[in-house]
């Protein structure tokens, strides 16, 4: 069964928002995860739920759709909607997948939805195998398949739709994969997500300083608010004495 693509409809105009939401609901492989009339509403959902794609109006009060997308550390798939064709070039600069010029009908929306599905399928392709009995994992990168011992993975950095895998004594690998799926594939006894953009090997921690995890003399990784409690619980379980 094909996974549903969880989408947000974002538009400050109630009628336009309602129509956009109805279009999402008419496409079988899309799931309407929320309707938002502001960038702030959308950000709260994206920070707390898994969202794969957003259909977002560019012209909104307080924060434009363009500025909203630029503010996201790890944005989902983006389709802009607007009544002004002049924004098309700027939209592609922020890696928008597509652009719908208002007023658009269901057929035009379905064309954009097909592009979203193609991108979603690409991002969720099997670019990593499950950990095998030898505690190793295989990555597809640059037309190669590379075997990496799980213990040798120091930490993982999210970079938009790509991940950068930092490995002991080797150059980092760049793979097309999502942070959420990587978090699910790696053994939880050894790895923990401490930020939207970072998963760390707990055995590689050298020091924790305020809001940072120090992996080595040159690597300081931030601890995100969403992940702080879980990480501190782990640290507390390892304390000796008071």
Protein backbone atom coordinates (compact mmCIF):
# COMPACT_ATOMS: atom_id res chain seq x y z
CA UNK A 1 0.00 0.00 0.00
CA UNK A 2 1.37 3.40 -1.01
CA UNK A 3 1.97 5.75 1.91
CA UNK A 4 -0.24 8.81 2.03
CA UNK A 5 1.49 12.14 1.52
CA UNK A 6 0.59 14.37 4.47
CA UNK A 7 -0.08 17.91 3.27
CA UNK A 8 -0.79 21.33 4.72
CA UNK A 9 -2.99 23.86 2.94
CA UNK A 10 -1.83 27.40 3.83
CA UNK A 11 -3.66 30.54 2.70
CA UNK A 12 -4.89 33.59 4.60
CA UNK A 13 -8.03 33.86 2.43
CA UNK A 14 -10.74 31.52 3.83
CA UNK A 15 -12.37 30.74 0.47
CA UNK A 16 -9.05 30.04 -1.24
CA UNK A 17 -7.99 27.87 1.71
CA UNK A 18 -11.22 25.88 1.59
CA UNK A 19 -10.84 25.27 -2.15
CA UNK A 20 -7.21 24.24 -1.79
CA UNK A 21 -8.13 21.81 0.99
CA UNK A 22 -10.93 20.33 -1.14
CA UNK A 23 -8.49 19.73 -4.00
CA UNK A 24 -6.08 17.91 -1.65
CA UNK A 25 -8.92 15.69 -0.45
CA UNK A 26 -9.82 14.77 -4.03
CA UNK A 27 -6.40 13.26 -4.76
CA UNK A 28 -6.25 9.66 -3.42
CA UNK A 29 -2.59 9.65 -2.42
CA UNK A 30 -2.72 13.00 -0.59
CA UNK A 31 -3.85 13.40 3.02
CA UNK A 32 -4.99 16.78 4.36
CA UNK A 33 -3.08 17.12 7.64
CA UNK A 34 -4.20 20.66 8.36
CA UNK A 35 -5.60 23.99 7.12
CA UNK A 36 -3.69 27.11 8.16
CA UNK A 37 -4.43 30.80 7.68
CA UNK A 38 -0.96 31.95 8.74
CA UNK A 39 2.67 30.91 8.64
CA UNK A 40 2.72 30.66 12.44
CA UNK A 41 -0.12 28.12 12.46
CA UNK A 42 1.70 26.06 9.84
CA UNK A 43 5.02 26.21 11.69
CA UNK A 44 3.45 24.84 14.88
CA UNK A 45 2.13 21.83 12.97
CA UNK A 46 5.38 21.23 11.08
CA UNK A 47 7.35 21.38 14.34
CA UNK A 48 5.17 18.72 15.97
CA UNK A 49 3.96 16.45 13.18
CA UNK A 50 5.33 14.71 10.11
CA UNK A 51 4.40 16.86 7.11
CA UNK A 52 5.56 15.78 3.67
CA UNK A 53 4.31 18.66 1.49
CA UNK A 54 2.86 22.15 1.79
CA UNK A 55 0.69 24.09 -0.64
CA UNK A 56 1.31 27.64 0.48
CA UNK A 57 0.16 31.08 -0.67
CA UNK A 58 2.99 33.56 -1.13
CA UNK A 59 1.06 36.73 -0.24
CA UNK A 60 0.09 36.50 3.42
CA UNK A 61 0.13 39.10 6.22
CA UNK A 62 2.72 39.02 9.03
CA UNK A 63 4.98 36.57 7.18
CA UNK A 64 4.84 35.81 3.47
CA UNK A 65 4.84 32.25 2.22
CA UNK A 66 8.28 32.87 0.72
CA UNK A 67 9.76 34.07 4.02
CA UNK A 68 8.05 31.22 5.83
CA UNK A 69 9.69 28.62 3.62
CA UNK A 70 13.07 30.33 4.02
CA UNK A 71 12.68 30.11 7.81
CA UNK A 72 12.27 26.32 7.83
CA UNK A 73 15.41 24.36 8.70
CA UNK A 74 14.25 21.25 6.90
CA UNK A 75 11.31 22.24 4.65
CA UNK A 76 8.92 19.66 3.22
CA UNK A 77 8.05 19.55 -0.49
CA UNK A 78 6.87 23.03 -1.49
CA UNK A 79 4.20 24.10 -3.97
CA UNK A 80 3.51 27.83 -4.02
CA UNK A 81 0.13 29.30 -4.89
CA UNK A 82 -0.27 32.98 -5.81
CA UNK A 83 -2.11 35.40 -8.06
CA UNK A 84 1.16 37.02 -9.16
CA UNK A 85 3.29 35.35 -11.82
CA UNK A 86 6.28 37.55 -10.94
CA UNK A 87 7.07 35.30 -7.96
CA UNK A 88 7.83 32.23 -10.06
CA UNK A 89 11.58 32.79 -10.37
CA UNK A 90 11.98 33.66 -6.68
CA UNK A 91 9.97 30.55 -5.80
CA UNK A 92 12.37 28.28 -7.62
CA UNK A 93 15.29 29.91 -5.79
CA UNK A 94 13.99 28.42 -2.55
CA UNK A 95 13.66 25.02 -4.25
CA UNK A 96 9.91 25.10 -4.68
CA UNK A 97 8.81 22.02 -6.60
CA UNK A 98 5.99 23.75 -8.44
CA UNK A 99 3.99 26.94 -8.74
CA UNK A 100 0.21 27.28 -9.15
CA UNK A 101 -1.06 30.57 -10.54
CA UNK A 102 -4.44 31.61 -9.15
CA UNK A 103 -7.16 31.02 -10.10
CA UNK A 104 -6.27 27.37 -10.81
CA UNK A 105 -8.60 24.44 -11.31
CA UNK A 106 -8.52 20.82 -10.20
CA UNK A 107 -6.68 19.66 -13.34
CA UNK A 108 -3.79 22.07 -12.74
CA UNK A 109 -3.70 21.05 -9.10
CA UNK A 110 -3.55 17.37 -10.02
CA UNK A 111 -0.56 18.05 -12.28
CA UNK A 112 1.24 19.66 -9.34
CA UNK A 113 0.18 16.76 -7.11
CA UNK A 114 1.77 14.27 -9.52
CA UNK A 115 5.06 16.15 -9.22
CA UNK A 116 4.73 16.04 -5.43
CA UNK A 117 4.16 12.29 -5.55
CA UNK A 118 7.18 11.75 -7.80
CA UNK A 119 9.38 13.77 -5.43
CA UNK A 120 7.95 12.01 -2.38
CA UNK A 121 8.60 8.58 -3.91
CA UNK A 122 12.16 9.62 -4.72
CA UNK A 123 12.83 10.86 -1.19
CA UNK A 124 11.38 7.72 0.36
CA UNK A 125 13.08 5.27 -1.98
CA UNK A 126 15.04 2.44 -0.38
CA UNK A 127 18.39 4.21 -0.15
CA UNK A 128 19.26 2.42 3.08
CA UNK A 129 18.91 -1.20 4.04
CA UNK A 130 17.93 -2.28 7.54
CA UNK A 131 20.69 -3.03 9.99
CA UNK A 132 21.85 -6.58 9.40
CA UNK A 133 23.03 -9.23 11.83
CA UNK A 134 26.58 -7.88 11.59
CA UNK A 135 25.40 -4.47 12.84
CA UNK A 136 26.11 -2.85 9.49
CA UNK A 137 24.00 -0.76 7.15
CA UNK A 138 24.21 -0.17 3.39
CA UNK A 139 23.86 3.28 1.79
CA UNK A 140 23.29 4.16 -1.85
CA UNK A 141 25.40 7.18 -2.74
CA UNK A 142 26.87 8.48 -5.99
CA UNK A 143 25.94 5.31 -7.90
CA UNK A 144 27.68 3.17 -5.30
CA UNK A 145 26.47 0.93 -2.48
CA UNK A 146 28.59 1.45 0.63
CA UNK A 147 28.63 -0.80 3.70
CA UNK A 148 29.12 1.05 6.98
CA UNK A 149 29.44 -0.39 10.46
CA UNK A 150 26.74 1.17 12.63
CA UNK A 151 29.26 1.80 15.42
CA UNK A 152 31.36 3.86 13.02
CA UNK A 153 28.57 6.37 12.37
CA UNK A 154 29.39 9.39 14.55
CA UNK A 155 26.42 11.60 13.73
CA UNK A 156 24.01 12.49 10.94
CA UNK A 157 23.15 15.94 9.67
CA UNK A 158 19.94 16.75 7.79
CA UNK A 159 20.35 19.00 4.75
CA UNK A 160 16.96 19.60 3.11
CA UNK A 161 16.10 16.33 1.32
CA UNK A 162 19.62 14.91 1.83
CA UNK A 163 21.49 13.53 4.83
CA UNK A 164 25.20 13.82 5.52
CA UNK A 165 26.55 10.75 7.35
CA UNK A 166 29.71 11.44 9.38
CA UNK A 167 31.80 8.28 9.76
CA UNK A 168 34.94 7.56 11.80
CA UNK A 169 38.16 7.93 9.79
CA UNK A 170 36.28 8.36 6.48
CA UNK A 171 34.84 11.12 4.37
CA UNK A 172 31.16 11.87 5.04
CA UNK A 173 28.56 10.21 2.81
CA UNK A 174 25.68 12.21 1.32
CA UNK A 175 22.48 10.22 0.73
CA UNK A 176 18.94 11.01 -0.40
CA UNK A 177 16.91 10.03 2.65
CA UNK A 178 14.66 11.53 5.32
CA UNK A 179 15.68 12.18 8.92
CA UNK A 180 12.56 10.48 10.26
CA UNK A 181 13.22 7.23 8.38
CA UNK A 182 16.89 7.29 9.37
CA UNK A 183 15.83 7.69 12.99
CA UNK A 184 13.55 4.66 12.62
CA UNK A 185 16.18 2.47 10.93
CA UNK A 186 19.07 2.98 13.36
CA UNK A 187 19.09 1.14 16.71
CA UNK A 188 17.61 3.35 19.45
CA UNK A 189 19.97 1.86 22.04
CA UNK A 190 22.83 3.64 20.26
CA UNK A 191 21.39 6.64 18.39
CA UNK A 192 19.22 9.57 19.42
CA UNK A 193 17.82 12.57 17.62
CA UNK A 194 18.75 15.75 19.52
CA UNK A 195 17.61 18.34 16.95
CA UNK A 196 15.53 18.59 13.78
CA UNK A 197 18.81 18.40 11.87
CA UNK A 198 20.95 16.04 13.97
CA UNK A 199 21.02 12.39 15.04
CA UNK A 200 24.00 11.40 17.16
CA UNK A 201 25.75 8.20 18.17
CA UNK A 202 25.44 8.34 21.97
CA UNK A 203 28.78 6.57 22.37
CA UNK A 204 30.49 9.46 20.57
CA UNK A 205 29.48 12.16 23.07
CA UNK A 206 32.47 13.77 24.76
CA UNK A 207 30.70 16.50 26.70
CA UNK A 208 27.35 18.25 27.10
CA UNK A 209 27.62 22.01 27.58
CA UNK A 210 24.42 24.03 28.14
CA UNK A 211 22.47 23.62 24.89
CA UNK A 212 25.19 21.83 22.95
CA UNK A 213 26.58 18.35 22.56
CA UNK A 214 30.33 18.29 22.03
CA UNK A 215 31.41 15.41 19.79
CA UNK A 216 35.04 16.52 19.45
CA UNK A 217 37.13 19.68 19.61
CA UNK A 218 35.63 21.00 16.38
CA UNK A 219 32.07 19.65 16.50
CA UNK A 220 29.39 21.33 18.65
CA UNK A 221 25.82 20.23 17.90
CA UNK A 222 22.72 22.09 19.17
CA UNK A 223 20.03 20.45 21.30
CA UNK A 224 16.55 21.31 20.02
CA UNK A 225 13.74 22.15 22.45
CA UNK A 226 11.56 19.31 21.11
CA UNK A 227 14.26 16.75 21.90
CA UNK A 228 15.70 18.18 25.13
CA UNK A 229 13.58 16.20 27.63
CA UNK A 230 14.31 12.83 26.02
CA UNK A 231 18.02 13.61 25.81
CA UNK A 232 18.22 14.82 29.42
CA UNK A 233 16.40 11.68 30.57
CA UNK A 234 19.09 9.63 28.84
CA UNK A 235 21.85 11.64 30.53
CA UNK A 236 20.19 11.35 33.93
CA UNK A 237 20.05 7.58 33.56
CA UNK A 238 23.83 7.54 33.11
CA UNK A 239 24.76 9.79 36.04
CA UNK A 240 26.95 8.33 38.80
CA UNK A 241 26.31 10.06 42.08
CA UNK A 242 24.76 13.54 42.30
